[in-house]
Amino acid sequence: MNARKNPHITDDQIVTAYSEKLSAYKVADDLGITPNCVYRVLARRGVHAVGLVEYRKNAERYPRDVQWKIKCAYEAGKSVHELVNKYGGSIYAVLQALRRMGGKTRPPQGKRPKPIAGKEIAKACEMYTSGMSQGAIGAALGYSQTVISRVLKEAGVALRKRAAANESHGNWNGGRTMKEGYVLVRPDPGDPIKPWRGGLAPEHRLVMARHLKRQLRSDETVHHINGDKSDNRIENLQIHHQGNHGKGTIMCCLDCGSFNIGHVPIASEAKGRNRD
C-alpha cells in the first residue's frame, strides 16, 4: 500500500517523471507528492537515484585554470556571490572549486563597522572627556556606540563606570518601581536599611527605618493599616514583631485610637429603641 498525498499517482508515473527530470524534488513538486515517496518508489523498482550525483558533477565542472582563478579571486577579497556572477555555476560549485585548490572559506563577517577617521578619533576622545556619553558621541559623529567604545579603548582613554539610573536615563521614573503591589525605591547611602540586589529596597520598610532611626530586624514586619500597599505614609504603617502579619486591615477606635476592640452585648436601651 502506498502512503502518499495523491493516491492516484502510480509508480510508473513516478519512475517515468524521474527519468526525465533526474530530480526527486522536481518530480515531487510536479506530481504533488513528497520527495521521500519518490525515493521509496525508485528503491522498490530498483532505479538508482543519480540525480543529485549528476547535479553535483555538472556543478563542479570548472576547468582547472578557472578553479585557480576562483581561489585567487576569493583570497583577494571577492565574495562567493561575485564569483558565481562572474564564472557562472552555483554557490556549491564555487565552494567546491575553492576547496579542490586548497583554499579555505572565510567565516561569516556580518555587517562590518564603518571605519573612523584619525581626526575624528581625537574629537571623540575630547567629547568623551568633556562628559558626553558614548551613544551621544556616536550619534554626533555618525558611528555606532560599539565603534566609539573600541576607539576610546584603543586610544587609552579610561572609560567611566556605568552610573546608576538617574534623571538622565531615558526610562527614569523617579526612582520608583512596583513589585507585587509594593513600592521599591533606591535608598540614600546613609539610610538605615540594607538594599536588595540591584540597589532597591521596599519603601514601607525604608520609611519605618527612617522613622525609628535604625535598621529593622529580620523578624520585624511593616503592616499597611488601610490595606493599601502603595500608601507608605508613616501614619499608615505599623511595625509588628512576630513575623508575618498576614493581609487585611487593622480596626481601631477612631476616637481614642485603642486597638482593644471586641464583641459586646447590645445594651437594653438600644434594643428598646431598635424595636420602636
Protein backbone atom coordinates (compact mmCIF):
# COMPACT_ATOMS: atom_id res chain seq x y z
CA MET A 1 0.00 0.00 0.00
CA ASN A 2 1.39 3.42 -0.96
CA ALA A 3 1.02 6.16 1.66
CA ARG A 4 1.16 9.35 -0.39
CA LYS A 5 -0.70 12.64 -0.61
CA ASN A 6 -2.00 11.87 -4.11
CA PRO A 7 -3.09 8.19 -4.23
CA HIS A 8 -3.91 8.46 -7.95
CA ILE A 9 -0.22 8.74 -8.92
CA THR A 10 1.19 5.37 -9.90
CA ASP A 11 4.71 4.04 -9.51
CA ASP A 12 5.13 4.01 -13.29
CA GLN A 13 4.36 7.73 -13.50
CA ILE A 14 6.94 8.47 -10.79
CA VAL A 15 9.66 6.41 -12.49
CA THR A 16 8.94 7.99 -15.87
CA ALA A 17 8.98 11.50 -14.46
CA TYR A 18 12.27 10.84 -12.65
CA SER A 19 13.94 9.50 -15.80
CA GLU A 20 13.12 12.81 -17.48
CA LYS A 21 13.94 15.27 -14.72
CA LEU A 22 16.58 13.36 -12.66
CA SER A 23 15.40 15.23 -9.55
CA ALA A 24 13.22 13.74 -6.84
CA TYR A 25 12.26 17.21 -5.63
CA LYS A 26 11.11 18.36 -9.08
CA VAL A 27 9.10 15.16 -9.52
CA ALA A 28 7.53 15.65 -6.08
CA ASP A 29 6.52 19.23 -6.92
CA ASP A 30 5.05 18.26 -10.29
CA LEU A 31 3.08 15.25 -9.03
CA GLY A 32 2.02 16.61 -5.64
CA ILE A 33 3.84 14.02 -3.51
CA THR A 34 6.82 14.05 -1.18
CA PRO A 35 10.47 13.50 -2.18
CA ASN A 36 10.64 10.58 0.26
CA CYS A 37 7.79 8.93 -1.60
CA VAL A 38 9.76 9.29 -4.86
CA TYR A 39 12.87 7.75 -3.31
CA ARG A 40 10.83 4.81 -1.91
CA VAL A 41 9.30 4.09 -5.32
CA LEU A 42 12.71 4.24 -7.03
CA ALA A 43 14.20 1.86 -4.48
CA ARG A 44 11.24 -0.51 -4.87
CA ARG A 45 11.65 -0.51 -8.66
CA GLY A 46 15.44 -0.87 -8.47
CA VAL A 47 16.10 2.53 -10.08
CA HIS A 48 19.35 4.14 -8.91
CA ALA A 49 18.74 7.74 -7.87
CA VAL A 50 21.62 9.50 -9.61
CA GLY A 51 20.01 12.92 -9.98
CA LEU A 52 21.89 14.57 -7.10
CA VAL A 53 25.17 12.97 -8.17
CA GLU A 54 24.75 14.25 -11.74
CA TYR A 55 23.80 17.70 -10.48
CA ARG A 56 26.91 17.97 -8.34
CA LYS A 57 29.08 16.61 -11.15
CA ASN A 58 27.77 19.26 -13.54
CA ALA A 59 28.01 21.96 -10.89
CA GLU A 60 31.67 21.12 -10.23
CA ARG A 61 32.61 21.24 -13.89
CA TYR A 62 35.13 24.15 -13.91
CA PRO A 63 38.40 23.89 -15.85
CA ARG A 64 41.47 23.72 -13.63
CA ASP A 65 42.65 27.20 -14.63
CA VAL A 66 39.23 28.63 -13.73
CA GLN A 67 39.33 26.87 -10.37
CA TRP A 68 42.70 28.50 -9.68
CA LYS A 69 41.33 31.93 -10.67
CA ILE A 70 38.39 31.38 -8.32
CA LYS A 71 40.77 30.62 -5.46
CA CYS A 72 42.96 33.66 -6.15
CA ALA A 73 39.98 35.99 -6.50
CA TYR A 74 38.38 34.70 -3.31
CA GLU A 75 41.60 35.14 -1.34
CA ALA A 76 41.88 38.66 -2.76
CA GLY A 77 38.55 39.56 -1.13
CA LYS A 78 35.90 38.64 -3.67
CA SER A 79 32.70 37.13 -2.29
CA VAL A 80 31.21 33.81 -3.37
CA HIS A 81 28.24 35.60 -4.95
CA GLU A 82 30.56 37.79 -7.01
CA LEU A 83 32.41 34.69 -8.26
CA VAL A 84 29.14 32.99 -9.19
CA ASN A 85 28.12 36.05 -11.22
CA LYS A 86 31.50 36.10 -12.97
CA TYR A 87 32.13 32.40 -13.66
CA GLY A 88 28.60 31.01 -13.62
CA GLY A 89 27.52 27.82 -11.87
CA SER A 90 26.26 27.74 -8.30
CA ILE A 91 27.49 28.63 -4.83
CA TYR A 92 28.15 24.95 -4.24
CA ALA A 93 30.30 24.77 -7.40
CA VAL A 94 32.40 27.77 -6.39
CA LEU A 95 32.99 26.42 -2.88
CA GLN A 96 33.96 23.00 -4.24
CA ALA A 97 36.40 24.59 -6.70
CA LEU A 98 37.90 26.60 -3.87
CA ARG A 99 38.36 23.51 -1.68
CA ARG A 100 39.89 21.45 -4.50
CA MET A 101 42.53 24.17 -4.97
CA GLY A 102 43.38 24.04 -1.25
CA GLY A 103 41.61 27.26 -0.33
CA LYS A 104 39.72 27.86 2.90
CA THR A 105 36.46 29.69 3.26
CA ARG A 106 36.23 32.79 5.42
CA PRO A 107 33.92 32.80 8.45
CA PRO A 108 30.75 34.90 8.08
CA GLN A 109 31.67 38.53 8.64
CA GLY A 110 28.24 40.10 9.00
CA LYS A 111 28.00 43.85 8.65
CA ARG A 112 31.43 45.40 9.02
CA PRO A 113 31.64 48.54 11.17
CA LYS A 114 32.23 51.84 9.44
CA PRO A 115 35.91 52.84 9.75
CA ILE A 116 36.59 56.02 11.71
CA ALA A 117 38.96 58.72 10.51
CA GLY A 118 42.01 59.75 12.52
CA LYS A 119 40.89 63.33 13.14
CA GLU A 120 37.53 62.06 14.42
CA ILE A 121 39.28 59.77 16.92
CA ALA A 122 40.78 62.77 18.68
CA LYS A 123 37.42 64.54 18.56
CA ALA A 124 35.66 61.50 20.06
CA CYS A 125 38.20 61.36 22.90
CA GLU A 126 37.75 65.09 23.56
CA MET A 127 33.95 64.79 23.60
CA TYR A 128 34.08 61.81 25.97
CA THR A 129 36.41 63.52 28.44
CA SER A 130 34.08 66.53 28.42
CA GLY A 131 31.32 64.32 29.79
CA MET A 132 29.38 63.13 26.73
CA SER A 133 28.21 59.53 26.60
CA GLN A 134 29.43 57.04 24.01
CA GLY A 135 25.99 56.86 22.42
CA ALA A 136 25.76 60.66 22.11
CA ILE A 137 29.25 60.81 20.57
CA GLY A 138 28.33 58.11 18.05
CA ALA A 139 25.14 59.94 17.09
CA ALA A 140 27.06 63.20 16.62
CA LEU A 141 29.86 61.67 14.52
CA GLY A 142 27.78 59.10 12.65
CA TYR A 143 29.13 55.91 14.24
CA SER A 144 27.73 53.21 16.48
CA GLN A 145 28.33 53.14 20.24
CA THR A 146 30.39 49.96 19.78
CA VAL A 147 32.80 51.73 17.42
CA ILE A 148 33.18 54.69 19.81
CA SER A 149 33.85 52.34 22.73
CA ARG A 150 36.53 50.48 20.75
CA VAL A 151 38.18 53.73 19.63
CA LEU A 152 38.31 55.07 23.19
CA LYS A 153 39.86 51.86 24.49
CA GLU A 154 42.48 51.81 21.71
CA ALA A 155 43.31 55.45 22.45
CA GLY A 156 43.93 54.63 26.11
CA VAL A 157 41.01 56.68 27.46
CA ALA A 158 39.80 55.47 30.86
CA LEU A 159 36.14 54.61 30.47
CA ARG A 160 33.68 55.74 33.10
CA LYS A 161 31.80 53.14 35.08
CA ARG A 162 28.14 52.85 34.27
CA ALA A 163 26.30 55.06 36.71
CA ALA A 164 23.12 54.02 38.48
CA ALA A 165 19.86 55.02 36.83
CA ASN A 166 19.15 58.72 37.35
CA GLU A 167 17.30 61.60 35.76
CA SER A 168 19.47 61.43 32.62
CA HIS A 169 18.24 57.91 31.78
CA GLY A 170 15.53 57.66 29.16
CA ASN A 171 13.40 55.32 31.30
CA TRP A 172 13.75 57.32 34.51
CA ASN A 173 10.51 57.17 36.53
CA GLY A 174 11.57 58.99 39.66
CA GLY A 175 13.49 56.03 41.06
CA ARG A 176 10.30 54.18 42.00
CA THR A 177 9.14 50.81 40.74
CA MET A 178 6.40 48.36 41.70
CA LYS A 179 6.63 44.69 42.62
CA GLU A 180 3.58 42.69 43.74
CA GLY A 181 1.87 45.92 44.78
CA TYR A 182 4.76 47.18 46.91
CA VAL A 183 6.80 50.26 46.03
CA LEU A 184 10.55 49.79 45.63
CA VAL A 185 12.92 52.76 45.81
CA ARG A 186 16.66 53.37 45.79
CA PRO A 187 17.72 54.40 49.32
CA ASP A 188 20.32 57.04 50.07
CA PRO A 189 23.80 55.87 51.12
CA GLY A 190 23.21 56.95 54.75
CA ASP A 191 19.78 55.31 55.15
CA PRO A 192 19.48 52.67 57.93
CA ILE A 193 18.50 49.87 55.55
CA LYS A 194 20.35 47.27 53.52
CA PRO A 195 19.14 47.38 49.89
CA TRP A 196 18.38 44.28 47.86
CA ARG A 197 20.42 43.12 44.92
CA GLY A 198 20.08 45.84 42.32
CA GLY A 199 20.18 48.64 44.89
CA LEU A 200 16.41 48.77 45.61
CA ALA A 201 14.57 48.48 48.92
CA PRO A 202 10.87 48.31 49.92
CA GLU A 203 9.69 51.85 50.55
CA HIS A 204 7.48 50.92 53.52
CA ARG A 205 10.41 49.37 55.39
CA LEU A 206 12.62 52.32 54.46
CA VAL A 207 10.05 54.82 55.80
CA MET A 208 9.77 52.87 59.06
CA ALA A 209 13.56 52.54 59.39
CA ARG A 210 13.96 56.29 58.90
CA HIS A 211 11.22 56.92 61.46
CA LEU A 212 12.87 54.66 64.04
CA LYS A 213 16.37 55.81 63.02
CA ARG A 214 17.61 52.23 62.99
CA GLN A 215 17.73 49.18 60.74
CA LEU A 216 14.76 46.82 61.05
CA ARG A 217 15.39 43.32 62.32
CA SER A 218 14.59 40.29 60.16
CA ASP A 219 11.67 39.31 62.46
CA GLU A 220 10.07 42.76 62.19
CA THR A 221 7.44 43.36 59.53
CA VAL A 222 5.72 46.58 58.50
CA HIS A 223 1.95 46.48 58.02
CA HIS A 224 -0.20 48.88 55.99
CA ILE A 225 -3.10 49.86 58.22
CA ASN A 226 -5.55 50.72 55.44
CA GLY A 227 -4.56 47.72 53.32
CA ASP A 228 -3.08 49.87 50.52
CA LYS A 229 0.46 48.55 50.00
CA SER A 230 1.42 51.64 47.99
CA ASP A 231 0.39 54.09 50.74
CA ASN A 232 3.67 54.42 52.61
CA ARG A 233 2.90 57.39 54.84
CA ILE A 234 4.25 56.79 58.32
CA GLU A 235 0.69 57.32 59.66
CA ASN A 236 -0.40 54.28 57.63
CA LEU A 237 2.42 51.99 58.77
CA GLN A 238 2.60 49.75 61.82
CA ILE A 239 5.55 47.62 62.88
CA HIS A 240 5.00 44.01 64.01
CA HIS A 241 7.48 41.89 65.93
CA GLN A 242 6.01 38.42 65.46
CA GLY A 243 6.98 37.81 61.85
CA ASN A 244 4.44 37.65 59.04
CA HIS A 245 1.40 39.73 59.90
CA GLY A 246 -0.92 38.44 57.18
CA LYS A 247 -3.19 40.51 54.98
CA GLY A 248 -6.07 42.85 55.62
CA THR A 249 -6.64 46.00 57.68
CA ILE A 250 -6.47 46.75 61.39
CA MET A 251 -9.57 48.03 63.21
CA CYS A 252 -9.15 50.62 65.93
CA CYS A 253 -11.29 53.15 67.77
CA LEU A 254 -11.43 56.33 65.74
CA ASP A 255 -11.97 58.39 68.95
CA CYS A 256 -9.16 57.16 71.20
CA GLY A 257 -7.06 55.06 68.84
CA SER A 258 -7.34 51.94 71.01
CA PHE A 259 -6.92 48.52 69.37
CA ASN A 260 -8.75 46.80 72.27
CA ILE A 261 -11.89 46.14 70.26
CA GLY A 262 -14.18 43.14 70.63
CA HIS A 263 -17.77 41.87 70.57
CA VAL A 264 -20.06 43.08 73.42
CA PRO A 265 -23.80 42.58 74.12
CA ILE A 266 -26.11 45.29 72.84
CA ALA A 267 -27.46 47.48 75.65
CA SER A 268 -31.14 47.05 76.63
CA GLU A 269 -31.81 50.70 75.91
CA ALA A 270 -30.54 50.25 72.41
CA LYS A 271 -32.74 47.17 71.98
CA GLY A 272 -35.83 49.17 73.03
CA ARG A 273 -35.03 51.95 70.59
CA ASN A 274 -34.48 49.44 67.80
CA ARG A 275 -37.88 47.82 68.49
CA ASP A 276 -39.59 51.18 68.36
